[in-house]
Amino acid sequence: MDGKQHILHYGSPSRLHVVETYGTGGRDVLKSYSLNDRKSITIHGLSNTSGALQILAQMFLPAGYPATVTPDYLRYMFDSLQAFTGEIAGLLASRAVLTSLGVGSSSPGATATAAVLLNIIQDTCGRLATILGAWKLGPVIEPECKTWRIAADIFNDVGIVLECLSPALPHRLKVLTLCFARTSRALCGVAAGGAKAALSRHFVSAGGSIADVNAKESSQETVVALCGMLVGSILVPRITSAQGTWAALVLLIGVHLLLNFLGVRSVTMSSLNRQRATLVLGSIIDRRPIPSPSEAARMESIFAPGSRLFLPSDSNSNPKAILGRCRIGVSLEEVIKHLRRHGDEDVGATVENLLRQYDAERYVLLCTRSRWGRADVLVCLKPSATPRDTLYAWTHALLAARARGRQSEGHAALQARELLNEHWEALERVGWRVDESCLLTGSDRRIEVVSTGDARYGEK
């Protein structure tokens, strides 16, 4: 609406006032309708927004914004701004690749056929990297989507740097470098695609559409990249020296990564991955206030290993104390290999005792100590384990890492269950989606005791 009042005659004798909102939430009024004494309807639009701005909002923001997305969606748009510098850096890299292929050179080896063959080799490396990257990275991206979103741009920038290096290298090394660059770009595509899908799922609130959020993010990046390409078409021809190229490249990549980091840092995830679970469960164990998702977002580290167990810091003078690490959802074979590395002389008996000890639980936990005294925890899950059971297991791992052998495993398991049951509703109240645990990364292995009589065990 353009803010003007539109009078429509309506024959009802009732006095009415109707507001129109988007979706089921009803938070943001789009229009209001009122019936005056002359029995005519007055339609009020959004007079504080011009028609042009409304059209732009409809083009680049999800339908029903802001009611259909989470509050951190707008802050994350820093991530779209990075496409501006990324596009200019990409133009510098494209010029370097064309130089490597012999464009503008009188060299007899710089033929169109040679360029096509080199492109085939690069494409082959990139597509193989996409297949292998999806195989290895696919299962681990969603729980650590913030880390992998930044990692995707690091892969992309590594590819840009390698492409800019290629003109100065000998022919054989040049081919190898360009293949590595294409491989790095392919890994960027895998990581970025998976991370964006996970983030889009997070941003959608009641009444929203994941497809619409994805489409609008794509249009945002497209228009920003278009602006970057237009500016780059003016700047790149003026950057002719090697020193100028590298100075511009360092600046562009630095800004590119900074904007990406700021965008990812602003995201407030409400699911419990391994690091956020350690922060939240550590506060529960210490009987401190449970951090909300926004508080945990400020405390979590983007690049910290998710498997790390630590004591959450309560002040700058009391930094995190590393307790060890925990791997959850592992194969029973990993447990056996781990015991052998630690010099267990009767692995079969140890495994059998573990299975009997955790017969009533939906997981099996092994906690050992490294030579430096840090805990090394492995957790096998049973087929009946739910997201709640994975949180029990992670709480148990934290307690075991803290106890340093001063309490029995059975007591730690019972304490973990009691602590989590006591604070389950409190976790939900502060905003955590506890039924959507993101603790598992990699293939989700499950073990099941098939027969306790002859100690034959099965794994799924």
Foldseek 3Di string as FASTA:
>chain_A
DQFDKDKAADDDQDWDKDFDAAADVRPDTAWMWTQDNVRIIIIGGDNVDHPVVVVVCPQQPFPRPPVFWDPLPVQLCLLLLLLLLVLLLVVLLVVLLCVLLPVVHPDPVNDPVVVVVLVVLLVVLLVVLLVVLCQAVVQFCLLLLLLLLLVLLVLQLQLSVLSNCLNVDDNVVSSVSNSSSSSSNSNSVNSNVNSLLNVLVNTGDHPGDSVRRVVSSVVSNVVSNVNSNVVSVVVVVVQDDPVSSVVSSVVSSVSSSVSSNSSSLSDQGQADAQQLLLQQLLCLVVVHDGDFSRRSSVQDDSPDDSQWHWRPDPDPVGHIGTLAGEAELDDVVVVLVVCVVVPDPCSLVVVLVQCVVCVVAQKTKDWDADPVGHIYMYIAGAPPDALVSVSLVSQLVNVCSVCSPVDDSVVSSVVSVVSCVVCVVVSVVSRHPSRDHNHHGDDRKHWDQPDSPVRDTDID
